[in-house]
mmCIF file of all heavy atoms, coordinates in Angstrom:
data_MODEL
# 
_entry.id   MODEL 
# 
loop_
_atom_site.group_PDB 
_atom_site.id 
_atom_site.type_symbol 
_atom_site.label_atom_id 
_atom_site.label_alt_id 
_atom_site.label_comp_id 
_atom_site.label_asym_id 
_atom_site.label_entity_id 
_atom_site.label_seq_id 
_atom_site.pdbx_PDB_ins_code 
_atom_site.Cartn_x 
_atom_site.Cartn_y 
_atom_site.Cartn_z 
_atom_site.occupancy 
_atom_site.B_iso_or_equiv 
_atom_site.pdbx_formal_charge 
_atom_site.auth_seq_id 
_atom_site.auth_comp_id 
_atom_site.auth_asym_id 
_atom_site.auth_atom_id 
_atom_site.pdbx_PDB_model_num 
ATOM 1   N N   . PRO A 1 1  ? 0.858   -1.176 0.016  1.00 0.00 ? 1  PRO A N   1 
ATOM 2   C CA  . PRO A 1 1  ? 0.043   0.010  0.006  1.00 0.00 ? 1  PRO A CA  1 
ATOM 3   C C   . PRO A 1 1  ? 0.909   1.189  0.001  1.00 0.00 ? 1  PRO A C   1 
ATOM 4   O O   . PRO A 1 1  ? 1.849   1.366  0.711  1.00 0.00 ? 1  PRO A O   1 
ATOM 5   C CB  . PRO A 1 1  ? -0.809  -0.109 1.265  1.00 0.00 ? 1  PRO A CB  1 
ATOM 6   C CG  . PRO A 1 1  ? -0.027  -1.043 2.184  1.00 0.00 ? 1  PRO A CG  1 
ATOM 7   C CD  . PRO A 1 1  ? 0.675   -1.958 1.266  1.00 0.00 ? 1  PRO A CD  1 
ATOM 8   N N   . ARG A 1 2  ? 0.428   2.244  -0.772 1.00 0.00 ? 2  ARG A N   1 
ATOM 9   C CA  . ARG A 1 2  ? 1.232   3.407  -0.945 1.00 0.00 ? 2  ARG A CA  1 
ATOM 10  C C   . ARG A 1 2  ? 0.319   4.670  -0.749 1.00 0.00 ? 2  ARG A C   1 
ATOM 11  O O   . ARG A 1 2  ? -0.746  4.699  -1.360 1.00 0.00 ? 2  ARG A O   1 
ATOM 12  C CB  . ARG A 1 2  ? 1.951   3.491  -2.288 1.00 0.00 ? 2  ARG A CB  1 
ATOM 13  C CG  . ARG A 1 2  ? 2.896   2.383  -2.463 1.00 0.00 ? 2  ARG A CG  1 
ATOM 14  C CD  . ARG A 1 2  ? 3.671   2.565  -3.728 1.00 0.00 ? 2  ARG A CD  1 
ATOM 15  N NE  . ARG A 1 2  ? 4.467   1.289  -4.036 1.00 0.00 ? 2  ARG A NE  1 
ATOM 16  C CZ  . ARG A 1 2  ? 5.670   1.049  -3.515 1.00 0.00 ? 2  ARG A CZ  1 
ATOM 17  N NH1 . ARG A 1 2  ? 6.237   1.931  -2.778 1.00 0.00 ? 2  ARG A NH1 1 
ATOM 18  N NH2 . ARG A 1 2  ? 6.331   0.015  -3.830 1.00 0.00 ? 2  ARG A NH2 1 
ATOM 19  N N   . ALA A 1 3  ? 0.805   5.632  0.000  1.00 0.00 ? 3  ALA A N   1 
ATOM 20  C CA  . ALA A 1 3  ? 0.049   6.858  0.181  1.00 0.00 ? 3  ALA A CA  1 
ATOM 21  C C   . ALA A 1 3  ? 0.207   7.764  -1.032 1.00 0.00 ? 3  ALA A C   1 
ATOM 22  O O   . ALA A 1 3  ? 1.261   7.861  -1.714 1.00 0.00 ? 3  ALA A O   1 
ATOM 23  C CB  . ALA A 1 3  ? 0.555   7.633  1.394  1.00 0.00 ? 3  ALA A CB  1 
ATOM 24  N N   . ARG A 1 4  ? -0.919  8.421  -1.418 1.00 0.00 ? 4  ARG A N   1 
ATOM 25  C CA  . ARG A 1 4  ? -0.872  9.359  -2.519 1.00 0.00 ? 4  ARG A CA  1 
ATOM 26  C C   . ARG A 1 4  ? -1.129  10.760 -2.005 1.00 0.00 ? 4  ARG A C   1 
ATOM 27  O O   . ARG A 1 4  ? -0.514  11.724 -2.455 1.00 0.00 ? 4  ARG A O   1 
ATOM 28  C CB  . ARG A 1 4  ? -1.927  8.995  -3.582 1.00 0.00 ? 4  ARG A CB  1 
ATOM 29  C CG  . ARG A 1 4  ? -1.886  9.824  -4.817 1.00 0.00 ? 4  ARG A CG  1 
ATOM 30  C CD  . ARG A 1 4  ? -2.875  9.337  -5.858 1.00 0.00 ? 4  ARG A CD  1 
ATOM 31  N NE  . ARG A 1 4  ? -4.219  9.632  -5.414 1.00 0.00 ? 4  ARG A NE  1 
ATOM 32  C CZ  . ARG A 1 4  ? -5.285  8.977  -5.841 1.00 0.00 ? 4  ARG A CZ  1 
ATOM 33  N NH1 . ARG A 1 4  ? -5.208  8.051  -6.765 1.00 0.00 ? 4  ARG A NH1 1 
ATOM 34  N NH2 . ARG A 1 4  ? -6.487  9.312  -5.375 1.00 0.00 ? 4  ARG A NH2 1 
ATOM 35  N N   . GLU A 1 5  ? -2.014  10.887 -1.005 1.00 0.00 ? 5  GLU A N   1 
ATOM 36  C CA  . GLU A 1 5  ? -2.326  12.217 -0.359 1.00 0.00 ? 5  GLU A CA  1 
ATOM 37  C C   . GLU A 1 5  ? -2.358  12.014 1.097  1.00 0.00 ? 5  GLU A C   1 
ATOM 38  O O   . GLU A 1 5  ? -2.869  11.028 1.619  1.00 0.00 ? 5  GLU A O   1 
ATOM 39  C CB  . GLU A 1 5  ? -3.597  12.746 -0.900 1.00 0.00 ? 5  GLU A CB  1 
ATOM 40  C CG  . GLU A 1 5  ? -3.609  13.100 -2.406 1.00 0.00 ? 5  GLU A CG  1 
ATOM 41  C CD  . GLU A 1 5  ? -4.923  13.626 -2.845 1.00 0.00 ? 5  GLU A CD  1 
ATOM 42  O OE1 . GLU A 1 5  ? -5.784  14.100 -2.025 1.00 0.00 ? 5  GLU A OE1 1 
ATOM 43  O OE2 . GLU A 1 5  ? -5.234  13.441 -4.031 1.00 0.00 ? 5  GLU A OE2 1 
ATOM 44  N N   . VAL A 1 6  ? -2.010  13.059 1.848  1.00 0.00 ? 6  VAL A N   1 
ATOM 45  C CA  . VAL A 1 6  ? -2.098  13.037 3.297  1.00 0.00 ? 6  VAL A CA  1 
ATOM 46  C C   . VAL A 1 6  ? -2.667  14.387 3.832  1.00 0.00 ? 6  VAL A C   1 
ATOM 47  O O   . VAL A 1 6  ? -2.275  15.399 3.240  1.00 0.00 ? 6  VAL A O   1 
ATOM 48  C CB  . VAL A 1 6  ? -0.704  12.859 3.925  1.00 0.00 ? 6  VAL A CB  1 
ATOM 49  C CG1 . VAL A 1 6  ? -0.784  12.961 5.456  1.00 0.00 ? 6  VAL A CG1 1 
ATOM 50  C CG2 . VAL A 1 6  ? 0.008   11.577 3.489  1.00 0.00 ? 6  VAL A CG2 1 
ATOM 51  N N   . SER A 1 7  ? -3.628  14.321 4.714  1.00 0.00 ? 7  SER A N   1 
ATOM 52  C CA  . SER A 1 7  ? -4.153  15.526 5.361  1.00 0.00 ? 7  SER A CA  1 
ATOM 53  C C   . SER A 1 7  ? -4.212  15.261 6.803  1.00 0.00 ? 7  SER A C   1 
ATOM 54  O O   . SER A 1 7  ? -4.611  14.175 7.234  1.00 0.00 ? 7  SER A O   1 
ATOM 55  C CB  . SER A 1 7  ? -5.411  15.919 4.681  1.00 0.00 ? 7  SER A CB  1 
ATOM 56  O OG  . SER A 1 7  ? -6.364  14.977 4.887  1.00 0.00 ? 7  SER A OG  1 
ATOM 57  N N   . VAL A 1 8  ? -3.923  16.263 7.588  1.00 0.00 ? 8  VAL A N   1 
ATOM 58  C CA  . VAL A 1 8  ? -4.001  16.207 9.001  1.00 0.00 ? 8  VAL A CA  1 
ATOM 59  C C   . VAL A 1 8  ? -4.875  17.386 9.502  1.00 0.00 ? 8  VAL A C   1 
ATOM 60  O O   . VAL A 1 8  ? -4.477  18.564 9.301  1.00 0.00 ? 8  VAL A O   1 
ATOM 61  C CB  . VAL A 1 8  ? -2.623  16.337 9.674  1.00 0.00 ? 8  VAL A CB  1 
ATOM 62  C CG1 . VAL A 1 8  ? -2.654  16.076 11.147 1.00 0.00 ? 8  VAL A CG1 1 
ATOM 63  C CG2 . VAL A 1 8  ? -1.619  15.311 9.059  1.00 0.00 ? 8  VAL A CG2 1 
ATOM 64  N N   . GLY A 1 9  ? -5.975  17.062 10.109 1.00 0.00 ? 9  GLY A N   1 
ATOM 65  C CA  . GLY A 1 9  ? -6.869  18.088 10.647 1.00 0.00 ? 9  GLY A CA  1 
ATOM 66  C C   . GLY A 1 9  ? -6.565  18.241 12.091 1.00 0.00 ? 9  GLY A C   1 
ATOM 67  O O   . GLY A 1 9  ? -5.586  17.796 12.643 1.00 0.00 ? 9  GLY A O   1 
ATOM 68  N N   . GLU A 1 10 ? -7.509  18.840 12.802 1.00 0.00 ? 10 GLU A N   1 
ATOM 69  C CA  . GLU A 1 10 ? -7.401  19.075 14.220 1.00 0.00 ? 10 GLU A CA  1 
ATOM 70  C C   . GLU A 1 10 ? -7.393  17.873 15.041 1.00 0.00 ? 10 GLU A C   1 
ATOM 71  O O   . GLU A 1 10 ? -6.784  17.761 16.089 1.00 0.00 ? 10 GLU A O   1 
ATOM 72  C CB  . GLU A 1 10 ? -8.478  20.075 14.668 1.00 0.00 ? 10 GLU A CB  1 
ATOM 73  C CG  . GLU A 1 10 ? -8.278  21.520 14.314 1.00 0.00 ? 10 GLU A CG  1 
ATOM 74  C CD  . GLU A 1 10 ? -6.996  22.128 14.888 1.00 0.00 ? 10 GLU A CD  1 
ATOM 75  O OE1 . GLU A 1 10 ? -6.769  21.954 16.116 1.00 0.00 ? 10 GLU A OE1 1 
ATOM 76  O OE2 . GLU A 1 10 ? -6.229  22.688 14.164 1.00 0.00 ? 10 GLU A OE2 1 
ATOM 77  N N   . ASP A 1 11 ? -8.176  16.860 14.591 1.00 0.00 ? 11 ASP A N   1 
ATOM 78  C CA  . ASP A 1 11 ? -8.283  15.585 15.329 1.00 0.00 ? 11 ASP A CA  1 
ATOM 79  C C   . ASP A 1 11 ? -8.249  14.307 14.518 1.00 0.00 ? 11 ASP A C   1 
ATOM 80  O O   . ASP A 1 11 ? -8.596  13.261 15.062 1.00 0.00 ? 11 ASP A O   1 
ATOM 81  C CB  . ASP A 1 11 ? -9.609  15.691 16.231 1.00 0.00 ? 11 ASP A CB  1 
ATOM 82  C CG  . ASP A 1 11 ? -10.801 15.890 15.398 1.00 0.00 ? 11 ASP A CG  1 
ATOM 83  O OD1 . ASP A 1 11 ? -10.786 15.926 14.155 1.00 0.00 ? 11 ASP A OD1 1 
ATOM 84  O OD2 . ASP A 1 11 ? -11.903 16.026 15.951 1.00 0.00 ? 11 ASP A OD2 1 
ATOM 85  N N   . GLU A 1 12 ? -7.886  14.446 13.229 1.00 0.00 ? 12 GLU A N   1 
ATOM 86  C CA  . GLU A 1 12 ? -7.875  13.203 12.403 1.00 0.00 ? 12 GLU A CA  1 
ATOM 87  C C   . GLU A 1 12 ? -6.767  13.294 11.350 1.00 0.00 ? 12 GLU A C   1 
ATOM 88  O O   . GLU A 1 12 ? -6.481  14.321 10.776 1.00 0.00 ? 12 GLU A O   1 
ATOM 89  C CB  . GLU A 1 12 ? -9.225  13.099 11.699 1.00 0.00 ? 12 GLU A CB  1 
ATOM 90  C CG  . GLU A 1 12 ? -9.475  11.860 10.947 1.00 0.00 ? 12 GLU A CG  1 
ATOM 91  C CD  . GLU A 1 12 ? -10.848 11.806 10.391 1.00 0.00 ? 12 GLU A CD  1 
ATOM 92  O OE1 . GLU A 1 12 ? -11.236 12.609 9.496  1.00 0.00 ? 12 GLU A OE1 1 
ATOM 93  O OE2 . GLU A 1 12 ? -11.656 10.909 10.870 1.00 0.00 ? 12 GLU A OE2 1 
ATOM 94  N N   . LEU A 1 13 ? -6.184  12.126 11.143 1.00 0.00 ? 13 LEU A N   1 
ATOM 95  C CA  . LEU A 1 13 ? -5.225  11.929 10.059 1.00 0.00 ? 13 LEU A CA  1 
ATOM 96  C C   . LEU A 1 13 ? -5.903  11.084 9.006  1.00 0.00 ? 13 LEU A C   1 
ATOM 97  O O   . LEU A 1 13 ? -6.470  10.063 9.255  1.00 0.00 ? 13 LEU A O   1 
ATOM 98  C CB  . LEU A 1 13 ? -3.940  11.151 10.545 1.00 0.00 ? 13 LEU A CB  1 
ATOM 99  C CG  . LEU A 1 13 ? -3.035  10.611 9.503  1.00 0.00 ? 13 LEU A CG  1 
ATOM 100 C CD1 . LEU A 1 13 ? -2.318  11.716 8.815  1.00 0.00 ? 13 LEU A CD1 1 
ATOM 101 C CD2 . LEU A 1 13 ? -2.003  9.645  10.177 1.00 0.00 ? 13 LEU A CD2 1 
ATOM 102 N N   . THR A 1 14 ? -5.800  11.626 7.776  1.00 0.00 ? 14 THR A N   1 
ATOM 103 C CA  . THR A 1 14 ? -6.469  10.990 6.602  1.00 0.00 ? 14 THR A CA  1 
ATOM 104 C C   . THR A 1 14 ? -5.364  10.763 5.559  1.00 0.00 ? 14 THR A C   1 
ATOM 105 O O   . THR A 1 14 ? -4.673  11.676 5.171  1.00 0.00 ? 14 THR A O   1 
ATOM 106 C CB  . THR A 1 14 ? -7.623  11.826 6.088  1.00 0.00 ? 14 THR A CB  1 
ATOM 107 O OG1 . THR A 1 14 ? -8.580  12.034 7.092  1.00 0.00 ? 14 THR A OG1 1 
ATOM 108 C CG2 . THR A 1 14 ? -8.295  11.114 4.904  1.00 0.00 ? 14 THR A CG2 1 
ATOM 109 N N   . VAL A 1 15 ? -5.354  9.500  5.052  1.00 0.00 ? 15 VAL A N   1 
ATOM 110 C CA  . VAL A 1 15 ? -4.416  9.114  4.029  1.00 0.00 ? 15 VAL A CA  1 
ATOM 111 C C   . VAL A 1 15 ? -5.166  8.445  2.892  1.00 0.00 ? 15 VAL A C   1 
ATOM 112 O O   . VAL A 1 15 ? -5.862  7.519  3.092  1.00 0.00 ? 15 VAL A O   1 
ATOM 113 C CB  . VAL A 1 15 ? -3.304  8.157  4.534  1.00 0.00 ? 15 VAL A CB  1 
ATOM 114 C CG1 . VAL A 1 15 ? -2.337  7.756  3.490  1.00 0.00 ? 15 VAL A CG1 1 
ATOM 115 C CG2 . VAL A 1 15 ? -2.621  8.752  5.830  1.00 0.00 ? 15 VAL A CG2 1 
ATOM 116 N N   . LEU A 1 16 ? -5.029  9.135  1.686  1.00 0.00 ? 16 LEU A N   1 
ATOM 117 C CA  . LEU A 1 16 ? -5.608  8.441  0.429  1.00 0.00 ? 16 LEU A CA  1 
ATOM 118 C C   . LEU A 1 16 ? -4.548  7.638  -0.190 1.00 0.00 ? 16 LEU A C   1 
ATOM 119 O O   . LEU A 1 16 ? -3.401  8.080  -0.418 1.00 0.00 ? 16 LEU A O   1 
ATOM 120 C CB  . LEU A 1 16 ? -6.087  9.609  -0.466 1.00 0.00 ? 16 LEU A CB  1 
ATOM 121 C CG  . LEU A 1 16 ? -6.698  9.163  -1.793 1.00 0.00 ? 16 LEU A CG  1 
ATOM 122 C CD1 . LEU A 1 16 ? -8.018  8.368  -1.529 1.00 0.00 ? 16 LEU A CD1 1 
ATOM 123 C CD2 . LEU A 1 16 ? -6.944  10.274 -2.685 1.00 0.00 ? 16 LEU A CD2 1 
ATOM 124 N N   . LEU A 1 17 ? -4.925  6.353  -0.427 1.00 0.00 ? 17 LEU A N   1 
ATOM 125 C CA  . LEU A 1 17 ? -3.939  5.422  -0.989 1.00 0.00 ? 17 LEU A CA  1 
ATOM 126 C C   . LEU A 1 17 ? -3.983  5.486  -2.440 1.00 0.00 ? 17 LEU A C   1 
ATOM 127 O O   . LEU A 1 17 ? -5.029  5.748  -3.092 1.00 0.00 ? 17 LEU A O   1 
ATOM 128 C CB  . LEU A 1 17 ? -4.233  3.994  -0.423 1.00 0.00 ? 17 LEU A CB  1 
ATOM 129 C CG  . LEU A 1 17 ? -4.126  3.861  1.096  1.00 0.00 ? 17 LEU A CG  1 
ATOM 130 C CD1 . LEU A 1 17 ? -4.395  2.318  1.451  1.00 0.00 ? 17 LEU A CD1 1 
ATOM 131 C CD2 . LEU A 1 17 ? -2.842  4.375  1.619  1.00 0.00 ? 17 LEU A CD2 1 
ATOM 132 N N   . ALA A 1 18 ? -2.869  4.926  -3.116 1.00 0.00 ? 18 ALA A N   1 
ATOM 133 C CA  . ALA A 1 18 ? -2.839  4.946  -4.580 1.00 0.00 ? 18 ALA A CA  1 
ATOM 134 C C   . ALA A 1 18 ? -3.862  4.023  -5.132 1.00 0.00 ? 18 ALA A C   1 
ATOM 135 O O   . ALA A 1 18 ? -4.308  4.221  -6.277 1.00 0.00 ? 18 ALA A O   1 
ATOM 136 C CB  . ALA A 1 18 ? -1.365  4.466  -5.006 1.00 0.00 ? 18 ALA A CB  1 
ATOM 137 N N   . ASP A 1 19 ? -4.396  3.006  -4.378 1.00 0.00 ? 19 ASP A N   1 
ATOM 138 C CA  . ASP A 1 19 ? -5.314  2.127  -4.936 1.00 0.00 ? 19 ASP A CA  1 
ATOM 139 C C   . ASP A 1 19 ? -6.755  2.575  -4.672 1.00 0.00 ? 19 ASP A C   1 
ATOM 140 O O   . ASP A 1 19 ? -7.749  1.791  -4.979 1.00 0.00 ? 19 ASP A O   1 
ATOM 141 C CB  . ASP A 1 19 ? -5.123  0.691  -4.429 1.00 0.00 ? 19 ASP A CB  1 
ATOM 142 C CG  . ASP A 1 19 ? -5.337  0.552  -2.884 1.00 0.00 ? 19 ASP A CG  1 
ATOM 143 O OD1 . ASP A 1 19 ? -5.841  1.590  -2.307 1.00 0.00 ? 19 ASP A OD1 1 
ATOM 144 O OD2 . ASP A 1 19 ? -5.073  -0.429 -2.281 1.00 0.00 ? 19 ASP A OD2 1 
ATOM 145 N N   . GLY A 1 20 ? -6.941  3.816  -4.177 1.00 0.00 ? 20 GLY A N   1 
ATOM 146 C CA  . GLY A 1 20 ? -8.219  4.345  -3.956 1.00 0.00 ? 20 GLY A CA  1 
ATOM 147 C C   . GLY A 1 20 ? -8.819  4.261  -2.613 1.00 0.00 ? 20 GLY A C   1 
ATOM 148 O O   . GLY A 1 20 ? -9.781  4.919  -2.258 1.00 0.00 ? 20 GLY A O   1 
ATOM 149 N N   . ARG A 1 21 ? -8.282  3.492  -1.746 1.00 0.00 ? 21 ARG A N   1 
ATOM 150 C CA  . ARG A 1 21 ? -8.730  3.374  -0.380 1.00 0.00 ? 21 ARG A CA  1 
ATOM 151 C C   . ARG A 1 21 ? -8.370  4.633  0.435  1.00 0.00 ? 21 ARG A C   1 
ATOM 152 O O   . ARG A 1 21 ? -7.376  5.317  0.115  1.00 0.00 ? 21 ARG A O   1 
ATOM 153 C CB  . ARG A 1 21 ? -8.100  2.182  0.367  1.00 0.00 ? 21 ARG A CB  1 
ATOM 154 C CG  . ARG A 1 21 ? -8.632  0.840  -0.175 1.00 0.00 ? 21 ARG A CG  1 
ATOM 155 C CD  . ARG A 1 21 ? -8.071  -0.300 0.586  1.00 0.00 ? 21 ARG A CD  1 
ATOM 156 N NE  . ARG A 1 21 ? -6.596  -0.445 0.149  1.00 0.00 ? 21 ARG A NE  1 
ATOM 157 C CZ  . ARG A 1 21 ? -5.777  -1.358 0.700  1.00 0.00 ? 21 ARG A CZ  1 
ATOM 158 N NH1 . ARG A 1 21 ? -6.176  -2.070 1.654  1.00 0.00 ? 21 ARG A NH1 1 
ATOM 159 N NH2 . ARG A 1 21 ? -4.520  -1.408 0.192  1.00 0.00 ? 21 ARG A NH2 1 
ATOM 160 N N   . LYS A 1 22 ? -9.090  4.916  1.474  1.00 0.00 ? 22 LYS A N   1 
ATOM 161 C CA  . LYS A 1 22 ? -8.869  6.049  2.283  1.00 0.00 ? 22 LYS A CA  1 
ATOM 162 C C   . LYS A 1 22 ? -8.849  5.555  3.789  1.00 0.00 ? 22 LYS A C   1 
ATOM 163 O O   . LYS A 1 22 ? -9.686  4.820  4.187  1.00 0.00 ? 22 LYS A O   1 
ATOM 164 C CB  . LYS A 1 22 ? -9.938  7.124  2.153  1.00 0.00 ? 22 LYS A CB  1 
ATOM 165 C CG  . LYS A 1 22 ? -9.674  8.317  3.036  1.00 0.00 ? 22 LYS A CG  1 
ATOM 166 C CD  . LYS A 1 22 ? -10.551 9.503  2.639  1.00 0.00 ? 22 LYS A CD  1 
ATOM 167 C CE  . LYS A 1 22 ? -12.016 9.282  2.696  1.00 0.00 ? 22 LYS A CE  1 
ATOM 168 N NZ  . LYS A 1 22 ? -12.832 10.517 2.554  1.00 0.00 ? 22 LYS A NZ  1 
ATOM 169 N N   . ILE A 1 23 ? -7.790  5.934  4.539  1.00 0.00 ? 23 ILE A N   1 
ATOM 170 C CA  . ILE A 1 23 ? -7.617  5.596  5.863  1.00 0.00 ? 23 ILE A CA  1 
ATOM 171 C C   . ILE A 1 23 ? -7.830  6.886  6.700  1.00 0.00 ? 23 ILE A C   1 
ATOM 172 O O   . ILE A 1 23 ? -7.176  7.889  6.432  1.00 0.00 ? 23 ILE A O   1 
ATOM 173 C CB  . ILE A 1 23 ? -6.221  5.028  6.199  1.00 0.00 ? 23 ILE A CB  1 
ATOM 174 C CG1 . ILE A 1 23 ? -5.821  3.918  5.294  1.00 0.00 ? 23 ILE A CG1 1 
ATOM 175 C CG2 . ILE A 1 23 ? -6.073  4.629  7.622  1.00 0.00 ? 23 ILE A CG2 1 
ATOM 176 C CD1 . ILE A 1 23 ? -4.382  3.554  5.281  1.00 0.00 ? 23 ILE A CD1 1 
ATOM 177 N N   . SER A 1 24 ? -8.630  6.846  7.677  1.00 0.00 ? 24 SER A N   1 
ATOM 178 C CA  . SER A 1 24 ? -8.763  7.912  8.590  1.00 0.00 ? 24 SER A CA  1 
ATOM 179 C C   . SER A 1 24 ? -8.731  7.426  10.026 1.00 0.00 ? 24 SER A C   1 
ATOM 180 O O   . SER A 1 24 ? -9.297  6.446  10.444 1.00 0.00 ? 24 SER A O   1 
ATOM 181 C CB  . SER A 1 24 ? -10.167 8.597  8.466  1.00 0.00 ? 24 SER A CB  1 
ATOM 182 O OG  . SER A 1 24 ? -10.244 9.204  7.189  1.00 0.00 ? 24 SER A OG  1 
ATOM 183 N N   . VAL A 1 25 ? -7.759  7.969  10.789 1.00 0.00 ? 25 VAL A N   1 
ATOM 184 C CA  . VAL A 1 25 ? -7.552  7.573  12.186 1.00 0.00 ? 25 VAL A CA  1 
ATOM 185 C C   . VAL A 1 25 ? -7.459  8.781  13.100 1.00 0.00 ? 25 VAL A C   1 
ATOM 186 O O   . VAL A 1 25 ? -7.099  9.848  12.645 1.00 0.00 ? 25 VAL A O   1 
ATOM 187 C CB  . VAL A 1 25 ? -6.225  6.767  12.311 1.00 0.00 ? 25 VAL A CB  1 
ATOM 188 C CG1 . VAL A 1 25 ? -6.307  5.419  11.564 1.00 0.00 ? 25 VAL A CG1 1 
ATOM 189 C CG2 . VAL A 1 25 ? -5.038  7.544  11.885 1.00 0.00 ? 25 VAL A CG2 1 
ATOM 190 N N   . PRO A 1 26 ? -7.853  8.695  14.364 1.00 0.00 ? 26 PRO A N   1 
ATOM 191 C CA  . PRO A 1 26 ? -7.795  9.729  15.306 1.00 0.00 ? 26 PRO A CA  1 
ATOM 192 C C   . PRO A 1 26 ? -6.399  10.263 15.609 1.00 0.00 ? 26 PRO A C   1 
ATOM 193 O O   . PRO A 1 26 ? -5.465  9.388  15.728 1.00 0.00 ? 26 PRO A O   1 
ATOM 194 C CB  . PRO A 1 26 ? -8.369  9.199  16.590 1.00 0.00 ? 26 PRO A CB  1 
ATOM 195 C CG  . PRO A 1 26 ? -8.870  7.819  16.257 1.00 0.00 ? 26 PRO A CG  1 
ATOM 196 C CD  . PRO A 1 26 ? -8.281  7.381  14.979 1.00 0.00 ? 26 PRO A CD  1 
ATOM 197 N N   . LEU A 1 27 ? -6.065  11.497 15.678 1.00 0.00 ? 27 LEU A N   1 
ATOM 198 C CA  . LEU A 1 27 ? -4.801  12.036 15.949 1.00 0.00 ? 27 LEU A CA  1 
ATOM 199 C C   . LEU A 1 27 ? -4.341  11.664 17.362 1.00 0.00 ? 27 LEU A C   1 
ATOM 200 O O   . LEU A 1 27 ? -3.208  11.558 17.644 1.00 0.00 ? 27 LEU A O   1 
ATOM 201 C CB  . LEU A 1 27 ? -4.729  13.580 15.811 1.00 0.00 ? 27 LEU A CB  1 
ATOM 202 C CG  . LEU A 1 27 ? -4.380  14.119 14.506 1.00 0.00 ? 27 LEU A CG  1 
ATOM 203 C CD1 . LEU A 1 27 ? -4.236  15.607 14.589 1.00 0.00 ? 27 LEU A CD1 1 
ATOM 204 C CD2 . LEU A 1 27 ? -3.244  13.404 13.874 1.00 0.00 ? 27 LEU A CD2 1 
ATOM 205 N N   . ALA A 1 28 ? -5.357  11.355 18.226 1.00 0.00 ? 28 ALA A N   1 
ATOM 206 C CA  . ALA A 1 28 ? -5.011  10.951 19.601 1.00 0.00 ? 28 ALA A CA  1 
ATOM 207 C C   . ALA A 1 28 ? -4.151  9.707  19.630 1.00 0.00 ? 28 ALA A C   1 
ATOM 208 O O   . ALA A 1 28 ? -3.426  9.561  20.624 1.00 0.00 ? 28 ALA A O   1 
ATOM 209 C CB  . ALA A 1 28 ? -6.289  10.663 20.377 1.00 0.00 ? 28 ALA A CB  1 
# 
């Protein structure tokens, strides 16, 4: 799996993968 885009909000990390999946996890 490879990251294509990364964004970090106030309370969540979101990673868009090259295969189209999206991972969102709490910054905590």
